[in-house]
Amino acid sequence: MRAINFRKWYLGDMDYSPGIWADGEGQVLVNHYFESNHEGRWMQYAGCEDKDGKAVYESDVVELRWNRYVFTAVVKFGEYEQDGSGFEYAPSPCYGFYADAISEWDANELGKRIVPDYMVTASLRMFDGIKVIGNIYENPELLEVRS
């Protein structure tokens, strides 16, 4: 079973101990702070670490590597469709943590597209390498599409 951890963005600060956690036996514990303070944006731990051992959370901006492709994406949680076949098959409906490419039309120095269609939204487990480079709240400039 994976760890159940949260962080919270509230009034310009990221709190990595917002008052909800799991005790290792499957019980989720909540303290008074959590019960009385629902404001802000809650983000769940994705259950994996990046190549440097840093925990990956919802709303993180990550650099992803898969074969020869390297691109940036935002970590999200919820329903998504994943192809994985290059449109050979119909996409499968999925639910969980996934990467959503910031710009599906990013190109390398030769002008070749670096985000294949079937990787615009994909499970985090699909990638060879993940590196957290920031998050959408503390580093909004990372969401800007390169020209």
Foldseek 3Di string as FASTA:
>chain_A
DFWKFKWWQDPHDIGRCQAWTDPVPPDIGGDPSCVVDPDTDMKIFQRDAFPVRHTDIAQFWKWFADPPATAIWGKHFAWDWADVPLPPDGTDIDGGIWTAGLDQQDADPVSHGRHRPRRNIGHPVRTPGIDGPGGCRVCVVVSDDDD
